[in-house]
N, C-alpha and C. Protein backbone atom coordinates (compact mmCIF):
# COMPACT_ATOMS: atom_id res chain seq x y z
N MET A 1 -92.14 63.41 70.47
CA MET A 1 -91.49 63.28 71.75
C MET A 1 -90.79 61.92 71.79
N THR A 2 -89.54 61.91 72.17
CA THR A 2 -88.78 60.67 72.33
C THR A 2 -88.48 60.49 73.81
N TYR A 3 -88.61 59.26 74.26
CA TYR A 3 -88.49 58.96 75.68
C TYR A 3 -87.69 57.67 75.82
N THR A 4 -86.79 57.62 76.79
CA THR A 4 -86.08 56.39 77.12
C THR A 4 -86.46 56.00 78.54
N TYR A 5 -86.94 54.78 78.66
CA TYR A 5 -87.39 54.26 79.95
C TYR A 5 -86.49 53.11 80.36
N LYS A 6 -85.94 53.17 81.56
CA LYS A 6 -85.12 52.08 82.10
C LYS A 6 -86.07 51.08 82.73
N THR A 7 -86.10 49.87 82.18
CA THR A 7 -87.04 48.85 82.63
C THR A 7 -86.63 48.27 83.98
N LYS A 8 -87.61 47.63 84.61
CA LYS A 8 -87.39 46.99 85.91
C LYS A 8 -87.93 45.56 85.83
N GLY A 9 -87.09 44.57 86.12
CA GLY A 9 -87.54 43.19 86.21
C GLY A 9 -87.64 42.44 84.90
N THR A 10 -87.03 42.96 83.83
CA THR A 10 -87.07 42.26 82.54
C THR A 10 -85.66 42.10 81.98
N CYS A 11 -85.54 41.25 80.98
CA CYS A 11 -84.25 41.05 80.31
C CYS A 11 -83.83 42.30 79.54
N ALA A 12 -84.81 42.98 78.95
CA ALA A 12 -84.51 44.24 78.26
C ALA A 12 -84.13 45.28 79.30
N GLY A 13 -83.08 46.03 79.04
CA GLY A 13 -82.61 47.03 80.00
C GLY A 13 -83.28 48.38 79.87
N ALA A 14 -83.81 48.67 78.67
CA ALA A 14 -84.44 49.97 78.43
C ALA A 14 -85.35 49.87 77.21
N ILE A 15 -86.22 50.86 77.09
CA ILE A 15 -87.11 50.97 75.94
C ILE A 15 -87.04 52.41 75.45
N GLU A 16 -86.81 52.59 74.14
CA GLU A 16 -86.84 53.91 73.53
C GLU A 16 -88.16 54.02 72.76
N ILE A 17 -88.91 55.08 73.02
CA ILE A 17 -90.22 55.25 72.42
C ILE A 17 -90.32 56.62 71.77
N GLU A 18 -90.86 56.64 70.55
CA GLU A 18 -91.18 57.91 69.87
C GLU A 18 -92.69 58.01 69.78
N LEU A 19 -93.23 59.09 70.31
CA LEU A 19 -94.67 59.31 70.35
C LEU A 19 -94.95 60.66 69.69
N ASN A 20 -95.95 60.71 68.78
CA ASN A 20 -96.24 62.00 68.15
C ASN A 20 -97.22 62.80 69.00
N ASP A 21 -97.60 63.97 68.51
CA ASP A 21 -98.46 64.88 69.29
C ASP A 21 -99.86 64.32 69.53
N ASP A 22 -100.28 63.36 68.71
CA ASP A 22 -101.60 62.74 68.86
C ASP A 22 -101.54 61.46 69.68
N ASN A 23 -100.41 61.24 70.37
CA ASN A 23 -100.18 60.04 71.19
C ASN A 23 -100.17 58.75 70.37
N ILE A 24 -99.76 58.87 69.11
CA ILE A 24 -99.58 57.71 68.25
C ILE A 24 -98.12 57.29 68.32
N ILE A 25 -97.89 55.98 68.48
CA ILE A 25 -96.53 55.46 68.58
C ILE A 25 -95.89 55.45 67.19
N GLU A 26 -94.80 56.17 67.07
CA GLU A 26 -94.05 56.23 65.81
C GLU A 26 -93.00 55.12 65.74
N ASN A 27 -92.38 54.82 66.89
CA ASN A 27 -91.33 53.81 66.91
C ASN A 27 -91.10 53.34 68.35
N VAL A 28 -90.77 52.06 68.49
CA VAL A 28 -90.39 51.50 69.78
C VAL A 28 -89.16 50.64 69.56
N ARG A 29 -88.17 50.79 70.42
CA ARG A 29 -86.95 49.99 70.33
C ARG A 29 -86.58 49.51 71.73
N PHE A 30 -86.52 48.19 71.89
CA PHE A 30 -86.10 47.61 73.16
C PHE A 30 -84.58 47.43 73.12
N ILE A 31 -83.92 47.76 74.22
CA ILE A 31 -82.48 47.57 74.36
C ILE A 31 -82.30 46.28 75.17
N GLY A 32 -81.86 45.22 74.50
CA GLY A 32 -81.71 43.92 75.14
C GLY A 32 -83.02 43.16 75.06
N GLY A 33 -83.09 42.06 75.78
CA GLY A 33 -84.29 41.24 75.77
C GLY A 33 -84.26 40.21 74.65
N CYS A 34 -85.34 39.49 74.50
CA CYS A 34 -85.47 38.46 73.47
C CYS A 34 -85.73 39.15 72.14
N LYS A 35 -84.73 39.17 71.29
CA LYS A 35 -84.77 40.00 70.08
C LYS A 35 -86.01 39.79 69.22
N GLY A 36 -86.37 38.54 68.95
CA GLY A 36 -87.54 38.29 68.12
C GLY A 36 -88.81 38.80 68.76
N ASN A 37 -88.97 38.55 70.05
CA ASN A 37 -90.18 39.00 70.74
C ASN A 37 -90.26 40.52 70.82
N THR A 38 -89.16 41.16 71.15
CA THR A 38 -89.20 42.62 71.28
C THR A 38 -89.37 43.30 69.93
N GLN A 39 -88.80 42.72 68.87
CA GLN A 39 -89.02 43.27 67.53
C GLN A 39 -90.48 43.10 67.13
N GLY A 40 -91.06 41.96 67.49
CA GLY A 40 -92.47 41.71 67.20
C GLY A 40 -93.38 42.70 67.91
N ILE A 41 -93.12 42.92 69.18
CA ILE A 41 -93.91 43.89 69.95
C ILE A 41 -93.81 45.26 69.30
N SER A 42 -92.59 45.66 68.96
CA SER A 42 -92.37 46.97 68.35
C SER A 42 -93.14 47.13 67.05
N ALA A 43 -93.12 46.10 66.21
CA ALA A 43 -93.83 46.16 64.93
C ALA A 43 -95.34 46.21 65.14
N LEU A 44 -95.84 45.47 66.11
CA LEU A 44 -97.29 45.41 66.34
C LEU A 44 -97.85 46.72 66.89
N VAL A 45 -97.09 47.43 67.72
CA VAL A 45 -97.63 48.65 68.34
C VAL A 45 -97.40 49.90 67.51
N LYS A 46 -96.55 49.83 66.51
CA LYS A 46 -96.28 51.01 65.66
C LYS A 46 -97.58 51.45 64.99
N GLY A 47 -97.89 52.73 65.13
CA GLY A 47 -99.10 53.30 64.54
C GLY A 47 -100.31 53.24 65.46
N MET A 48 -100.18 52.62 66.62
CA MET A 48 -101.28 52.54 67.57
C MET A 48 -101.27 53.72 68.54
N LYS A 49 -102.45 54.04 69.07
CA LYS A 49 -102.54 55.06 70.11
C LYS A 49 -101.93 54.48 71.39
N ALA A 50 -101.20 55.29 72.11
CA ALA A 50 -100.53 54.85 73.34
C ALA A 50 -101.54 54.26 74.32
N GLU A 51 -102.70 54.87 74.44
CA GLU A 51 -103.71 54.41 75.38
C GLU A 51 -104.19 53.00 75.04
N ASP A 52 -104.31 52.70 73.74
CA ASP A 52 -104.74 51.36 73.31
C ASP A 52 -103.70 50.31 73.66
N VAL A 53 -102.42 50.66 73.48
CA VAL A 53 -101.34 49.73 73.81
C VAL A 53 -101.33 49.47 75.31
N ILE A 54 -101.49 50.51 76.10
CA ILE A 54 -101.52 50.37 77.56
C ILE A 54 -102.62 49.39 77.95
N ASN A 55 -103.81 49.57 77.39
CA ASN A 55 -104.95 48.71 77.72
C ASN A 55 -104.71 47.26 77.32
N ARG A 56 -103.98 47.03 76.25
CA ARG A 56 -103.77 45.66 75.76
C ARG A 56 -102.65 44.92 76.48
N VAL A 57 -101.59 45.60 76.88
CA VAL A 57 -100.41 44.88 77.37
C VAL A 57 -100.12 45.05 78.86
N SER A 58 -100.82 45.96 79.50
CA SER A 58 -100.60 46.17 80.93
C SER A 58 -100.94 44.91 81.71
N GLY A 59 -100.03 44.52 82.60
CA GLY A 59 -100.27 43.37 83.46
C GLY A 59 -99.80 42.04 82.90
N ILE A 60 -99.30 42.02 81.67
CA ILE A 60 -98.78 40.76 81.11
C ILE A 60 -97.53 40.37 81.88
N ARG A 61 -97.44 39.10 82.22
CA ARG A 61 -96.30 38.59 83.00
C ARG A 61 -95.43 37.70 82.12
N CYS A 62 -94.17 37.58 82.49
CA CYS A 62 -93.23 36.70 81.81
C CYS A 62 -92.88 35.57 82.78
N GLY A 63 -93.46 34.40 82.55
CA GLY A 63 -93.21 33.28 83.46
C GLY A 63 -93.63 33.62 84.87
N PHE A 64 -92.72 33.45 85.81
CA PHE A 64 -93.02 33.73 87.21
C PHE A 64 -92.68 35.17 87.60
N LYS A 65 -92.17 35.95 86.66
CA LYS A 65 -91.85 37.35 86.95
C LYS A 65 -93.15 38.16 87.07
N PRO A 66 -93.15 39.19 87.89
CA PRO A 66 -94.37 39.99 88.04
C PRO A 66 -94.60 40.98 86.89
N THR A 67 -93.70 41.00 85.92
CA THR A 67 -93.80 41.94 84.79
C THR A 67 -93.28 41.26 83.54
N SER A 68 -93.23 42.00 82.44
CA SER A 68 -92.73 41.51 81.16
C SER A 68 -92.32 42.71 80.32
N CYS A 69 -91.72 42.46 79.17
CA CYS A 69 -91.37 43.58 78.28
C CYS A 69 -92.63 44.34 77.83
N PRO A 70 -93.72 43.64 77.44
CA PRO A 70 -94.92 44.40 77.08
C PRO A 70 -95.48 45.20 78.27
N ASP A 71 -95.47 44.62 79.45
CA ASP A 71 -95.96 45.33 80.63
C ASP A 71 -95.09 46.56 80.90
N GLN A 72 -93.78 46.42 80.78
CA GLN A 72 -92.88 47.56 80.99
C GLN A 72 -93.12 48.63 79.94
N LEU A 73 -93.48 48.23 78.72
CA LEU A 73 -93.84 49.21 77.69
C LEU A 73 -95.06 50.01 78.14
N SER A 74 -96.04 49.35 78.74
CA SER A 74 -97.23 50.07 79.22
C SER A 74 -96.86 51.04 80.33
N VAL A 75 -95.96 50.65 81.22
CA VAL A 75 -95.51 51.54 82.30
C VAL A 75 -94.82 52.77 81.70
N ALA A 76 -93.96 52.54 80.72
CA ALA A 76 -93.25 53.65 80.07
C ALA A 76 -94.23 54.59 79.38
N LEU A 77 -95.21 54.04 78.67
CA LEU A 77 -96.19 54.87 77.98
C LEU A 77 -97.02 55.69 78.97
N LYS A 78 -97.40 55.10 80.08
CA LYS A 78 -98.15 55.83 81.11
C LYS A 78 -97.33 57.03 81.60
N GLN A 79 -96.04 56.81 81.84
CA GLN A 79 -95.18 57.90 82.31
C GLN A 79 -95.06 58.98 81.25
N MET A 80 -94.93 58.57 79.98
CA MET A 80 -94.84 59.55 78.89
C MET A 80 -96.08 60.43 78.85
N LEU A 81 -97.24 59.80 78.94
CA LEU A 81 -98.49 60.56 78.86
C LEU A 81 -98.64 61.50 80.05
N GLU A 82 -98.19 61.07 81.22
CA GLU A 82 -98.27 61.94 82.41
C GLU A 82 -97.35 63.16 82.27
N GLU A 83 -96.21 62.98 81.59
CA GLU A 83 -95.25 64.07 81.44
C GLU A 83 -95.61 65.03 80.32
N LYS A 84 -96.52 64.63 79.45
CA LYS A 84 -96.90 65.50 78.33
C LYS A 84 -97.66 66.73 78.77
């Protein structure tokens, strides 16, 4: 399943996520944002269960913003799992 999530409150404008039938992340691609950081996040979560990523990155903030790219990834993954 491939999903595109339009982010809210971050420099990245969207996140493209590929999730397999076992809820394992196959690929994550951030559109925009801090390239090194978003590439790092993508590499670290590849091969992880969506639920584990949600538990690890949910609630992370970027400076004074109420969210971050990792937090928005958790929001997107939650929505993907609900739609499955």
